Amino acid sequence: MKLYDLERSGNCYKIRLLLSCLGLAYERVAVNIDKGEHKTDAFLRLNPRAQVPVLEDEGRVIWDSTAILVYLARRFGGETWLPTEPFAMAQVMQWLVVEQNEGRYGTSRARARLLKMQSEFARSGEWSEIARLTRAALQTLEGQLRHNDWLAADHVTIADVACYPYTALLDQDTAALPDGFSVADYPAIRAWFRRMEGLPGHVPLPRQAASV
């Protein structure tokens, strides 16, 4: 198994985290996006969208972090990480959708844009929409986790793996920036962070993660 990877990417981190929790061995292939390696012909044959992560497994190629999480969960995770019972599966899928919308266009972009542009970006029109989605993501997560240890079941699933990285990364170093978001205001989310950090196989979050 081979993972085309970018260390600072939160989306790549999701895959490394699940692989580690599943106890799977794999080869990491670093993709240097600063040098344009994701736009080479060789890489585009793997992923025409020119994005990481990409997973190769026994000649099969899967791209997009959510698709890879689903593949790994169903192939190696039994009923734990992505159950097949229809209602239980739907509960997981709901949170994957939250991550793809409020998460990706809110928490992920808020951190990436503020780190790059700081106050200039915070004053732009685009920022107001990102701020709205970020608050919506945090409030939705907090509401669920206030009464549940995990997002979609009574145990960890890929819903948690998907939603965790950019929520936790947001709290690393944006609090002092204009309109920064302090996860300290969301105690249920912080307790969830501690549960995620206590998972067997947990790996440290990347620093300065890009929104890729």
N, C-alpha and C. Protein backbone atom coordinates (compact mmCIF):
# COMPACT_ATOMS: atom_id res chain seq x y z
N MET A 1 0.84 -1.18 0.00
CA MET A 1 0.00 0.00 0.00
C MET A 1 0.89 1.24 0.00
N LYS A 2 0.49 2.25 -0.79
CA LYS A 2 1.32 3.44 -0.95
C LYS A 2 0.43 4.68 -0.81
N LEU A 3 0.87 5.63 0.01
CA LEU A 3 0.14 6.88 0.21
C LEU A 3 0.96 8.03 -0.33
N TYR A 4 0.40 8.73 -1.32
CA TYR A 4 1.01 9.95 -1.83
C TYR A 4 0.56 11.08 -0.90
N ASP A 5 1.53 11.70 -0.26
CA ASP A 5 1.29 12.39 1.00
C ASP A 5 1.94 13.77 1.03
N LEU A 6 1.35 14.66 1.79
CA LEU A 6 1.94 15.96 2.11
C LEU A 6 1.86 16.11 3.61
N GLU A 7 2.98 16.24 4.27
CA GLU A 7 3.03 16.23 5.73
C GLU A 7 2.11 17.26 6.35
N ARG A 8 2.08 18.48 5.79
CA ARG A 8 1.34 19.55 6.44
C ARG A 8 -0.15 19.57 6.09
N SER A 9 -0.58 18.66 5.23
CA SER A 9 -1.98 18.62 4.81
C SER A 9 -2.86 17.92 5.84
N GLY A 10 -3.92 18.61 6.27
CA GLY A 10 -4.87 17.98 7.17
C GLY A 10 -5.60 16.82 6.52
N ASN A 11 -5.87 16.91 5.21
CA ASN A 11 -6.55 15.82 4.52
C ASN A 11 -5.67 14.57 4.45
N CYS A 12 -4.38 14.76 4.23
CA CYS A 12 -3.47 13.62 4.26
C CYS A 12 -3.34 13.06 5.67
N TYR A 13 -3.36 13.95 6.66
CA TYR A 13 -3.29 13.49 8.05
C TYR A 13 -4.43 12.54 8.38
N LYS A 14 -5.63 12.82 7.89
CA LYS A 14 -6.76 11.92 8.16
C LYS A 14 -6.43 10.48 7.76
N ILE A 15 -5.79 10.35 6.61
CA ILE A 15 -5.48 9.01 6.12
C ILE A 15 -4.38 8.37 6.96
N ARG A 16 -3.35 9.14 7.29
CA ARG A 16 -2.30 8.60 8.16
C ARG A 16 -2.87 8.16 9.50
N LEU A 17 -3.80 8.94 10.04
CA LEU A 17 -4.40 8.60 11.33
C LEU A 17 -5.17 7.29 11.24
N LEU A 18 -6.03 7.14 10.22
CA LEU A 18 -6.81 5.91 10.12
C LEU A 18 -5.91 4.71 9.83
N LEU A 19 -4.93 4.87 8.97
CA LEU A 19 -4.00 3.77 8.70
C LEU A 19 -3.32 3.32 9.99
N SER A 20 -2.91 4.28 10.81
CA SER A 20 -2.25 3.94 12.07
C SER A 20 -3.21 3.26 13.03
N CYS A 21 -4.44 3.78 13.14
CA CYS A 21 -5.43 3.17 14.03
C CYS A 21 -5.77 1.74 13.59
N LEU A 22 -5.74 1.50 12.29
CA LEU A 22 -6.01 0.16 11.76
C LEU A 22 -4.79 -0.75 11.81
N GLY A 23 -3.64 -0.18 12.16
CA GLY A 23 -2.41 -0.97 12.25
C GLY A 23 -1.90 -1.43 10.90
N LEU A 24 -2.10 -0.64 9.86
CA LEU A 24 -1.71 -1.03 8.51
C LEU A 24 -0.35 -0.45 8.14
N ALA A 25 0.48 -1.27 7.54
CA ALA A 25 1.78 -0.81 7.03
C ALA A 25 1.58 -0.20 5.64
N TYR A 26 2.31 0.85 5.35
CA TYR A 26 2.20 1.50 4.05
C TYR A 26 3.46 2.29 3.77
N GLU A 27 3.65 2.60 2.51
CA GLU A 27 4.77 3.43 2.08
C GLU A 27 4.29 4.85 1.87
N ARG A 28 4.99 5.81 2.46
CA ARG A 28 4.65 7.22 2.25
C ARG A 28 5.50 7.78 1.12
N VAL A 29 4.84 8.39 0.15
CA VAL A 29 5.52 9.04 -0.96
C VAL A 29 5.24 10.54 -0.84
N ALA A 30 6.25 11.30 -0.46
CA ALA A 30 6.06 12.74 -0.28
C ALA A 30 5.86 13.41 -1.63
N VAL A 31 4.86 14.28 -1.70
CA VAL A 31 4.58 15.06 -2.91
C VAL A 31 4.88 16.52 -2.59
N ASN A 32 5.84 17.09 -3.28
CA ASN A 32 6.25 18.47 -3.02
C ASN A 32 5.41 19.40 -3.90
N ILE A 33 4.34 19.94 -3.32
CA ILE A 33 3.46 20.79 -4.12
C ILE A 33 4.11 22.15 -4.39
N ASP A 34 5.06 22.56 -3.54
CA ASP A 34 5.76 23.82 -3.80
C ASP A 34 6.59 23.75 -5.08
N LYS A 35 7.01 22.54 -5.45
CA LYS A 35 7.76 22.34 -6.69
C LYS A 35 6.88 21.85 -7.83
N GLY A 36 5.59 21.81 -7.59
CA GLY A 36 4.66 21.43 -8.65
C GLY A 36 4.59 19.95 -8.94
N GLU A 37 5.03 19.10 -8.01
CA GLU A 37 5.03 17.66 -8.28
C GLU A 37 3.62 17.09 -8.44
N HIS A 38 2.61 17.80 -7.90
CA HIS A 38 1.23 17.33 -8.03
C HIS A 38 0.65 17.63 -9.41
N LYS A 39 1.41 18.35 -10.24
CA LYS A 39 0.93 18.70 -11.59
C LYS A 39 1.74 18.01 -12.69
N THR A 40 2.60 17.09 -12.31
CA THR A 40 3.36 16.35 -13.32
C THR A 40 2.45 15.35 -14.02
N ASP A 41 2.85 14.93 -15.19
CA ASP A 41 2.06 13.94 -15.93
C ASP A 41 1.90 12.65 -15.13
N ALA A 42 2.98 12.25 -14.45
CA ALA A 42 2.93 11.00 -13.67
C ALA A 42 1.90 11.10 -12.56
N PHE A 43 1.87 12.24 -11.87
CA PHE A 43 0.90 12.36 -10.78
C PHE A 43 -0.52 12.53 -11.32
N LEU A 44 -0.68 13.26 -12.39
CA LEU A 44 -2.02 13.46 -12.96
C LEU A 44 -2.63 12.16 -13.46
N ARG A 45 -1.78 11.19 -13.80
CA ARG A 45 -2.32 9.87 -14.16
C ARG A 45 -2.92 9.19 -12.93
N LEU A 46 -2.43 9.52 -11.75
CA LEU A 46 -3.00 8.99 -10.51
C LEU A 46 -4.24 9.76 -10.10
N ASN A 47 -4.16 11.07 -10.17
CA ASN A 47 -5.28 11.92 -9.77
C ASN A 47 -5.38 13.11 -10.72
N PRO A 48 -6.34 13.09 -11.63
CA PRO A 48 -6.47 14.19 -12.60
C PRO A 48 -6.83 15.51 -11.94
N ARG A 49 -7.21 15.48 -10.66
CA ARG A 49 -7.52 16.73 -9.96
C ARG A 49 -6.27 17.37 -9.36
N ALA A 50 -5.13 16.71 -9.47
CA ALA A 50 -3.85 17.26 -8.99
C ALA A 50 -3.88 17.59 -7.51
N GLN A 51 -4.42 16.66 -6.72
CA GLN A 51 -4.52 16.87 -5.27
C GLN A 51 -4.02 15.65 -4.52
N VAL A 52 -3.51 15.88 -3.31
CA VAL A 52 -3.23 14.82 -2.37
C VAL A 52 -4.35 14.84 -1.32
N PRO A 53 -4.58 13.67 -0.68
CA PRO A 53 -3.86 12.40 -0.78
C PRO A 53 -4.36 11.53 -1.94
N VAL A 54 -3.49 10.58 -2.29
CA VAL A 54 -3.85 9.50 -3.22
C VAL A 54 -3.36 8.21 -2.59
N LEU A 55 -4.17 7.17 -2.66
CA LEU A 55 -3.80 5.86 -2.12
C LEU A 55 -3.74 4.85 -3.25
N GLU A 56 -2.67 4.07 -3.28
CA GLU A 56 -2.55 2.92 -4.17
C GLU A 56 -2.58 1.66 -3.33
N ASP A 57 -3.42 0.72 -3.70
CA ASP A 57 -3.50 -0.54 -2.97
C ASP A 57 -3.77 -1.67 -3.96
N GLU A 58 -2.78 -2.53 -4.12
CA GLU A 58 -2.90 -3.69 -5.00
C GLU A 58 -3.35 -3.29 -6.40
N GLY A 59 -2.73 -2.25 -6.94
CA GLY A 59 -3.02 -1.82 -8.29
C GLY A 59 -4.23 -0.91 -8.43
N ARG A 60 -4.96 -0.71 -7.35
CA ARG A 60 -6.11 0.20 -7.38
C ARG A 60 -5.70 1.56 -6.86
N VAL A 61 -6.24 2.60 -7.46
CA VAL A 61 -5.90 3.97 -7.08
C VAL A 61 -7.18 4.67 -6.62
N ILE A 62 -7.09 5.28 -5.43
CA ILE A 62 -8.23 6.03 -4.87
C ILE A 62 -7.74 7.41 -4.51
N TRP A 63 -8.45 8.45 -4.97
CA TRP A 63 -8.11 9.80 -4.57
C TRP A 63 -9.31 10.45 -3.88
N ASP A 64 -9.01 11.52 -3.14
CA ASP A 64 -9.93 12.26 -2.27
C ASP A 64 -9.93 11.60 -0.89
N SER A 65 -9.73 12.44 0.13
CA SER A 65 -9.58 11.92 1.48
C SER A 65 -10.82 11.18 1.96
N THR A 66 -12.01 11.67 1.63
CA THR A 66 -13.22 10.99 2.08
C THR A 66 -13.36 9.63 1.42
N ALA A 67 -13.11 9.55 0.12
CA ALA A 67 -13.18 8.27 -0.58
C ALA A 67 -12.17 7.28 -0.01
N ILE A 68 -10.99 7.76 0.32
CA ILE A 68 -9.96 6.88 0.88
C ILE A 68 -10.38 6.39 2.26
N LEU A 69 -10.94 7.27 3.09
CA LEU A 69 -11.41 6.84 4.41
C LEU A 69 -12.46 5.75 4.28
N VAL A 70 -13.40 5.93 3.35
CA VAL A 70 -14.46 4.93 3.14
C VAL A 70 -13.85 3.60 2.69
N TYR A 71 -12.92 3.66 1.76
CA TYR A 71 -12.28 2.45 1.26
C TYR A 71 -11.57 1.69 2.38
N LEU A 72 -10.75 2.40 3.13
CA LEU A 72 -9.99 1.74 4.20
C LEU A 72 -10.92 1.18 5.28
N ALA A 73 -11.94 1.95 5.63
CA ALA A 73 -12.87 1.50 6.67
C ALA A 73 -13.60 0.23 6.26
N ARG A 74 -14.08 0.20 5.02
CA ARG A 74 -14.82 -0.98 4.59
C ARG A 74 -13.91 -2.17 4.34
N ARG A 75 -12.71 -1.93 3.84
CA ARG A 75 -11.84 -3.06 3.52
C ARG A 75 -11.18 -3.65 4.77
N PHE A 76 -10.81 -2.79 5.72
CA PHE A 76 -9.99 -3.26 6.83
C PHE A 76 -10.62 -3.05 8.21
N GLY A 77 -11.72 -2.29 8.29
CA GLY A 77 -12.22 -1.88 9.60
C GLY A 77 -13.44 -2.61 10.11
N GLY A 78 -13.89 -3.64 9.40
CA GLY A 78 -15.07 -4.37 9.85
C GLY A 78 -16.27 -3.45 9.96
N GLU A 79 -17.05 -3.62 11.01
CA GLU A 79 -18.24 -2.79 11.21
C GLU A 79 -17.95 -1.59 12.10
N THR A 80 -16.71 -1.45 12.56
CA THR A 80 -16.40 -0.40 13.53
C THR A 80 -16.36 0.98 12.90
N TRP A 81 -15.54 1.15 11.90
CA TRP A 81 -15.25 2.49 11.40
C TRP A 81 -16.30 3.01 10.43
N LEU A 82 -16.97 2.11 9.71
CA LEU A 82 -18.07 2.48 8.82
C LEU A 82 -19.04 1.31 8.78
N PRO A 83 -20.06 1.35 9.63
CA PRO A 83 -21.00 0.21 9.68
C PRO A 83 -21.81 0.11 8.39
N THR A 84 -22.30 -1.10 8.13
CA THR A 84 -23.10 -1.32 6.92
C THR A 84 -24.60 -1.28 7.18
N GLU A 85 -25.03 -1.35 8.43
CA GLU A 85 -26.45 -1.21 8.74
C GLU A 85 -26.90 0.17 8.24
N PRO A 86 -28.00 0.25 7.48
CA PRO A 86 -28.33 1.49 6.77
C PRO A 86 -28.39 2.74 7.64
N PHE A 87 -29.08 2.68 8.77
CA PHE A 87 -29.21 3.89 9.59
C PHE A 87 -27.86 4.26 10.19
N ALA A 88 -27.11 3.28 10.66
CA ALA A 88 -25.80 3.56 11.25
C ALA A 88 -24.86 4.15 10.21
N MET A 89 -24.90 3.62 8.99
CA MET A 89 -24.07 4.17 7.92
C MET A 89 -24.47 5.61 7.61
N ALA A 90 -25.77 5.87 7.58
CA ALA A 90 -26.25 7.22 7.30
C ALA A 90 -25.77 8.21 8.36
N GLN A 91 -25.70 7.78 9.62
CA GLN A 91 -25.20 8.66 10.68
C GLN A 91 -23.76 9.08 10.40
N VAL A 92 -22.96 8.15 9.96
CA VAL A 92 -21.58 8.47 9.62
C VAL A 92 -21.54 9.41 8.42
N MET A 93 -22.31 9.10 7.40
CA MET A 93 -22.27 9.90 6.18
C MET A 93 -22.70 11.34 6.42
N GLN A 94 -23.64 11.55 7.35
CA GLN A 94 -24.06 12.92 7.67
C GLN A 94 -22.87 13.77 8.08
N TRP A 95 -21.99 13.21 8.90
CA TRP A 95 -20.86 13.98 9.41
C TRP A 95 -19.76 14.12 8.37
N LEU A 96 -19.67 13.16 7.45
CA LEU A 96 -18.74 13.35 6.34
C LEU A 96 -19.19 14.53 5.48
N VAL A 97 -20.49 14.72 5.34
CA VAL A 97 -21.01 15.86 4.59
C VAL A 97 -20.73 17.16 5.33
N VAL A 98 -20.90 17.17 6.64
CA VAL A 98 -20.56 18.37 7.42
C VAL A 98 -19.10 18.75 7.20
N GLU A 99 -18.23 17.75 7.23
CA GLU A 99 -16.81 18.03 7.03
C GLU A 99 -16.55 18.59 5.63
N GLN A 100 -17.24 18.08 4.63
CA GLN A 100 -17.04 18.53 3.26
C GLN A 100 -17.59 19.93 3.02
N ASN A 101 -18.47 20.40 3.87
CA ASN A 101 -19.10 21.71 3.66
C ASN A 101 -18.64 22.71 4.71
N GLU A 102 -19.31 22.76 5.87
CA GLU A 102 -18.91 23.72 6.90
C GLU A 102 -17.46 23.53 7.32
N GLY A 103 -17.01 22.27 7.36
CA GLY A 103 -15.63 22.02 7.76
C GLY A 103 -14.62 22.49 6.73
N ARG A 104 -14.77 22.02 5.51
CA ARG A 104 -13.77 22.33 4.48
C ARG A 104 -13.79 23.80 4.08
N TYR A 105 -15.00 24.38 3.97
CA TYR A 105 -15.10 25.77 3.54
C TYR A 105 -15.14 26.75 4.71
N GLY A 106 -15.14 26.20 5.94
CA GLY A 106 -15.11 27.03 7.12
C GLY A 106 -13.81 26.87 7.88
N THR A 107 -13.74 25.86 8.74
CA THR A 107 -12.57 25.72 9.63
C THR A 107 -11.27 25.58 8.86
N SER A 108 -11.26 24.78 7.80
CA SER A 108 -10.03 24.58 7.04
C SER A 108 -9.56 25.88 6.38
N ARG A 109 -10.46 26.54 5.69
CA ARG A 109 -10.06 27.76 4.98
C ARG A 109 -9.79 28.91 5.94
N ALA A 110 -10.51 28.96 7.05
CA ALA A 110 -10.26 30.03 8.01
C ALA A 110 -8.82 30.00 8.48
N ARG A 111 -8.36 28.83 8.85
CA ARG A 111 -6.99 28.73 9.35
C ARG A 111 -5.98 29.00 8.25
N ALA A 112 -6.18 28.40 7.10
CA ALA A 112 -5.21 28.58 6.02
C ALA A 112 -5.14 30.03 5.57
N ARG A 113 -6.30 30.68 5.40
CA ARG A 113 -6.29 32.05 4.91
C ARG A 113 -5.72 33.01 5.95
N LEU A 114 -6.09 32.84 7.20
CA LEU A 114 -5.58 33.75 8.22
C LEU A 114 -4.08 33.61 8.39
N LEU A 115 -3.58 32.39 8.33
CA LEU A 115 -2.14 32.20 8.47
C LEU A 115 -1.39 32.86 7.32
N LYS A 116 -1.99 32.87 6.14
CA LYS A 116 -1.31 33.43 4.97
C LYS A 116 -1.48 34.94 4.87
N MET A 117 -2.69 35.43 5.16
CA MET A 117 -2.97 36.83 4.85
C MET A 117 -3.30 37.68 6.07
N GLN A 118 -3.60 37.04 7.17
CA GLN A 118 -3.87 37.71 8.43
C GLN A 118 -4.89 38.84 8.27
N SER A 119 -4.61 40.04 8.77
CA SER A 119 -5.64 41.07 8.89
C SER A 119 -6.17 41.51 7.53
N GLU A 120 -5.33 41.53 6.48
CA GLU A 120 -5.81 41.96 5.18
C GLU A 120 -6.95 41.07 4.70
N PHE A 121 -6.79 39.77 4.88
CA PHE A 121 -7.84 38.85 4.46
C PHE A 121 -9.05 38.97 5.38
N ALA A 122 -8.80 39.17 6.67
CA ALA A 122 -9.91 39.24 7.61
C ALA A 122 -10.85 40.40 7.30
N ARG A 123 -10.36 41.40 6.59
CA ARG A 123 -11.20 42.54 6.24
C ARG A 123 -11.90 42.35 4.89
N SER A 124 -11.59 41.28 4.18
CA SER A 124 -12.15 41.07 2.85
C SER A 124 -13.57 40.53 2.93
N GLY A 125 -14.31 40.65 1.83
CA GLY A 125 -15.66 40.16 1.80
C GLY A 125 -15.75 38.65 1.94
N GLU A 126 -14.77 37.94 1.38
CA GLU A 126 -14.79 36.48 1.45
C GLU A 126 -14.73 35.99 2.88
N TRP A 127 -14.06 36.76 3.72
CA TRP A 127 -13.88 36.31 5.10
C TRP A 127 -15.20 36.14 5.85
N SER A 128 -16.17 36.99 5.58
CA SER A 128 -17.42 36.92 6.32
C SER A 128 -18.12 35.58 6.10
N GLU A 129 -18.05 35.05 4.87
CA GLU A 129 -18.67 33.76 4.60
C GLU A 129 -17.89 32.63 5.26
N ILE A 130 -16.57 32.70 5.21
CA ILE A 130 -15.75 31.68 5.88
C ILE A 130 -16.00 31.71 7.38
N ALA A 131 -16.09 32.91 7.95
CA ALA A 131 -16.35 33.03 9.38
C ALA A 131 -17.70 32.43 9.75
N ARG A 132 -18.70 32.67 8.91
CA ARG A 132 -20.03 32.12 9.17
C ARG A 132 -20.01 30.59 9.16
N LEU A 133 -19.35 30.02 8.16
CA LEU A 133 -19.28 28.57 8.06
C LEU A 133 -18.46 27.96 9.21
N THR A 134 -17.41 28.67 9.62
CA THR A 134 -16.59 28.17 10.73
C THR A 134 -17.40 28.10 12.01
N ARG A 135 -18.11 29.17 12.31
CA ARG A 135 -18.94 29.17 13.52
C ARG A 135 -20.03 28.09 13.43
N ALA A 136 -20.60 27.93 12.25
CA ALA A 136 -21.62 26.89 12.07
C ALA A 136 -21.05 25.51 12.33
N ALA A 137 -19.82 25.26 11.82
CA ALA A 137 -19.19 23.96 12.04
C ALA A 137 -18.94 23.71 13.52
N LEU A 138 -18.37 24.70 14.20
CA LEU A 138 -18.05 24.53 15.62
C LEU A 138 -19.32 24.35 16.45
N GLN A 139 -20.35 25.13 16.16
CA GLN A 139 -21.60 25.01 16.92
C GLN A 139 -22.28 23.66 16.67
N THR A 140 -22.21 23.17 15.44
CA THR A 140 -22.82 21.87 15.13
C THR A 140 -22.08 20.74 15.84
N LEU A 141 -20.75 20.78 15.79
CA LEU A 141 -19.96 19.77 16.49
C LEU A 141 -20.21 19.83 17.99
N GLU A 142 -20.19 21.03 18.54
CA GLU A 142 -20.39 21.18 19.99
C GLU A 142 -21.76 20.64 20.41
N GLY A 143 -22.79 20.93 19.62
CA GLY A 143 -24.12 20.44 19.95
C GLY A 143 -24.21 18.93 20.00
N GLN A 144 -23.55 18.27 19.06
CA GLN A 144 -23.56 16.81 19.04
C GLN A 144 -22.72 16.22 20.16
N LEU A 145 -21.55 16.79 20.38
CA LEU A 145 -20.61 16.22 21.35
C LEU A 145 -20.96 16.57 22.79
N ARG A 146 -21.86 17.50 22.98
CA ARG A 146 -22.29 17.83 24.33
C ARG A 146 -23.00 16.64 24.98
N HIS A 147 -23.61 15.82 24.16
CA HIS A 147 -24.38 14.68 24.68
C HIS A 147 -23.86 13.34 24.20
N ASN A 148 -22.79 13.33 23.41
CA ASN A 148 -22.25 12.09 22.84
C ASN A 148 -20.73 12.15 22.84
N ASP A 149 -20.10 11.04 23.16
CA ASP A 149 -18.63 11.00 23.14
C ASP A 149 -18.09 11.07 21.72
N TRP A 150 -18.84 10.50 20.76
CA TRP A 150 -18.38 10.44 19.38
C TRP A 150 -19.47 10.97 18.47
N LEU A 151 -19.12 11.31 17.26
CA LEU A 151 -20.07 12.00 16.39
C LEU A 151 -21.21 11.15 15.87
N ALA A 152 -20.92 9.91 15.48
CA ALA A 152 -21.93 9.15 14.74
C ALA A 152 -22.35 7.85 15.40
N ALA A 153 -21.70 7.45 16.47
CA ALA A 153 -22.00 6.15 17.10
C ALA A 153 -21.52 6.23 18.55
N ASP A 154 -21.62 5.09 19.24
CA ASP A 154 -21.11 5.05 20.61
C ASP A 154 -19.63 4.68 20.64
N HIS A 155 -18.98 4.76 19.49
CA HIS A 155 -17.55 4.50 19.37
C HIS A 155 -17.02 5.35 18.22
N VAL A 156 -15.73 5.44 18.12
CA VAL A 156 -15.12 6.24 17.06
C VAL A 156 -15.41 5.64 15.69
N THR A 157 -15.65 6.50 14.71
CA THR A 157 -15.84 6.09 13.32
C THR A 157 -15.04 7.04 12.43
N ILE A 158 -15.14 6.81 11.12
CA ILE A 158 -14.45 7.74 10.21
C ILE A 158 -15.10 9.12 10.21
N ALA A 159 -16.29 9.25 10.77
CA ALA A 159 -16.87 10.59 10.95
C ALA A 159 -15.97 11.44 11.84
N ASP A 160 -15.49 10.84 12.91
CA ASP A 160 -14.59 11.56 13.82
C ASP A 160 -13.24 11.83 13.16
N VAL A 161 -12.73 10.83 12.45
CA VAL A 161 -11.44 11.00 11.77
C VAL A 161 -11.53 12.13 10.75
N ALA A 162 -12.64 12.24 10.04
CA ALA A 162 -12.79 13.27 9.02
C ALA A 162 -12.91 14.66 9.61
N CYS A 163 -13.67 14.80 10.69
CA CYS A 163 -13.95 16.12 11.25
C CYS A 163 -12.87 16.62 12.20
N TYR A 164 -12.06 15.73 12.71
CA TYR A 164 -11.09 16.10 13.74
C TYR A 164 -9.96 17.03 13.28
N PRO A 165 -9.24 16.74 12.19
CA PRO A 165 -7.99 17.47 11.95
C PRO A 165 -8.12 18.97 11.84
N TYR A 166 -8.99 19.46 10.95
CA TYR A 166 -9.02 20.91 10.74
C TYR A 166 -9.68 21.64 11.91
N THR A 167 -10.53 20.94 12.67
CA THR A 167 -11.07 21.55 13.89
C THR A 167 -9.96 21.72 14.92
N ALA A 168 -9.15 20.68 15.09
CA ALA A 168 -8.05 20.77 16.05
C ALA A 168 -6.97 21.72 15.57
N LEU A 169 -6.67 21.71 14.28
CA LEU A 169 -5.64 22.60 13.75
C LEU A 169 -6.04 24.06 13.86
N LEU A 170 -7.33 24.34 13.76
CA LEU A 170 -7.80 25.72 13.88
C LEU A 170 -7.37 26.32 15.22
N ASP A 171 -7.31 25.47 16.23
CA ASP A 171 -7.01 25.95 17.59
C ASP A 171 -5.52 26.12 17.84
N GLN A 172 -4.68 25.73 16.89
CA GLN A 172 -3.24 25.76 17.15
C GLN A 172 -2.71 27.18 17.28
N ASP A 173 -3.07 28.05 16.33
CA ASP A 173 -2.40 29.34 16.33
C ASP A 173 -3.19 30.45 15.65
N THR A 174 -4.52 30.40 15.71
CA THR A 174 -5.28 31.50 15.14
C THR A 174 -5.94 32.38 16.19
N ALA A 175 -5.84 32.02 17.46
CA ALA A 175 -6.60 32.75 18.48
C ALA A 175 -6.23 34.23 18.52
N ALA A 176 -4.97 34.56 18.24
CA ALA A 176 -4.55 35.95 18.34
C ALA A 176 -4.78 36.74 17.06
N LEU A 177 -5.23 36.10 16.00
CA LEU A 177 -5.44 36.77 14.73
C LEU A 177 -6.83 37.42 14.69
N PRO A 178 -7.04 38.37 13.81
CA PRO A 178 -8.35 39.03 13.74
C PRO A 178 -9.48 38.03 13.54
N ASP A 179 -10.52 38.17 14.34
CA ASP A 179 -11.68 37.28 14.24
C ASP A 179 -11.27 35.81 14.38
N GLY A 180 -10.22 35.55 15.14
CA GLY A 180 -9.81 34.17 15.36
C GLY A 180 -10.88 33.41 16.13
N PHE A 181 -10.82 32.11 16.08
CA PHE A 181 -11.83 31.28 16.73
C PHE A 181 -11.15 30.46 17.81
N SER A 182 -11.57 30.66 19.02
CA SER A 182 -10.99 29.91 20.13
C SER A 182 -11.86 28.70 20.44
N VAL A 183 -11.29 27.53 20.27
CA VAL A 183 -12.02 26.30 20.59
C VAL A 183 -12.17 26.17 22.10
N ALA A 184 -11.47 27.01 22.85
CA ALA A 184 -11.66 27.03 24.30
C ALA A 184 -13.10 27.36 24.66
N ASP A 185 -13.81 28.00 23.75
CA ASP A 185 -15.22 28.33 23.99
C ASP A 185 -16.15 27.14 23.79
N TYR A 186 -15.60 26.01 23.39
CA TYR A 186 -16.40 24.82 23.08
C TYR A 186 -15.87 23.63 23.89
N PRO A 187 -16.30 23.50 25.14
CA PRO A 187 -15.74 22.46 26.02
C PRO A 187 -15.98 21.03 25.54
N ALA A 188 -17.11 20.77 24.90
CA ALA A 188 -17.38 19.41 24.42
C ALA A 188 -16.42 19.04 23.29
N ILE A 189 -16.09 20.00 22.43
CA ILE A 189 -15.12 19.74 21.37
C ILE A 189 -13.75 19.47 21.98
N ARG A 190 -13.37 20.22 22.99
CA ARG A 190 -12.05 20.01 23.60
C ARG A 190 -11.97 18.63 24.27
N ALA A 191 -13.06 18.20 24.88
CA ALA A 191 -13.07 16.85 25.47
C ALA A 191 -12.95 15.79 24.39
N TRP A 192 -13.59 16.03 23.25
CA TRP A 192 -13.48 15.12 22.10
C TRP A 192 -12.04 15.07 21.59
N PHE A 193 -11.37 16.21 21.54
CA PHE A 193 -9.95 16.21 21.17
C PHE A 193 -9.17 15.24 22.06
N ARG A 194 -9.42 15.28 23.35
CA ARG A 194 -8.68 14.42 24.28
C ARG A 194 -8.98 12.95 24.01
N ARG A 195 -10.23 12.65 23.67
CA ARG A 195 -10.57 11.26 23.34
C ARG A 195 -9.86 10.84 22.06
N MET A 196 -9.83 11.70 21.07
CA MET A 196 -9.12 11.39 19.83
C MET A 196 -7.62 11.16 20.11
N GLU A 197 -7.04 12.01 20.92
CA GLU A 197 -5.61 11.88 21.24
C GLU A 197 -5.32 10.60 22.01
N GLY A 198 -6.32 10.05 22.67
CA GLY A 198 -6.13 8.82 23.43
C GLY A 198 -6.37 7.55 22.63
N LEU A 199 -6.71 7.67 21.36
CA LEU A 199 -6.95 6.48 20.55
C LEU A 199 -5.67 5.68 20.36
N PRO A 200 -5.72 4.36 20.46
CA PRO A 200 -4.56 3.55 20.09
C PRO A 200 -4.21 3.81 18.63
N GLY A 201 -2.99 4.19 18.37
CA GLY A 201 -2.58 4.51 17.02
C GLY A 201 -2.64 5.99 16.68
N HIS A 202 -3.07 6.81 17.62
CA HIS A 202 -3.12 8.25 17.34
C HIS A 202 -1.74 8.75 16.94
N VAL A 203 -1.71 9.62 15.93
CA VAL A 203 -0.45 10.23 15.49
C VAL A 203 -0.58 11.74 15.66
N PRO A 204 0.54 12.43 15.94
CA PRO A 204 0.46 13.88 16.20
C PRO A 204 -0.04 14.64 14.99
N LEU A 205 -0.74 15.72 15.24
CA LEU A 205 -1.20 16.59 14.18
C LEU A 205 -0.02 17.27 13.50
N PRO A 206 -0.13 17.58 12.22
CA PRO A 206 0.91 18.34 11.56
C PRO A 206 0.87 19.79 12.00
N ARG A 207 1.99 20.46 11.87
CA ARG A 207 2.03 21.89 12.13
C ARG A 207 1.85 22.65 10.84
N GLN A 208 1.25 23.84 10.94
CA GLN A 208 1.06 24.73 9.79
C GLN A 208 0.41 23.99 8.61
N ALA A 209 -0.68 23.30 8.89
CA ALA A 209 -1.32 22.49 7.83
C ALA A 209 -1.95 23.37 6.77
N ALA A 210 -1.75 22.99 5.54
CA ALA A 210 -2.41 23.68 4.43
C ALA A 210 -3.81 23.12 4.27
N SER A 211 -4.67 23.87 3.58
CA SER A 211 -6.06 23.40 3.38
C SER A 211 -6.13 22.57 2.10
N VAL A 212 -5.33 21.52 2.03
CA VAL A 212 -5.35 20.65 0.85
C VAL A 212 -5.61 19.23 1.30
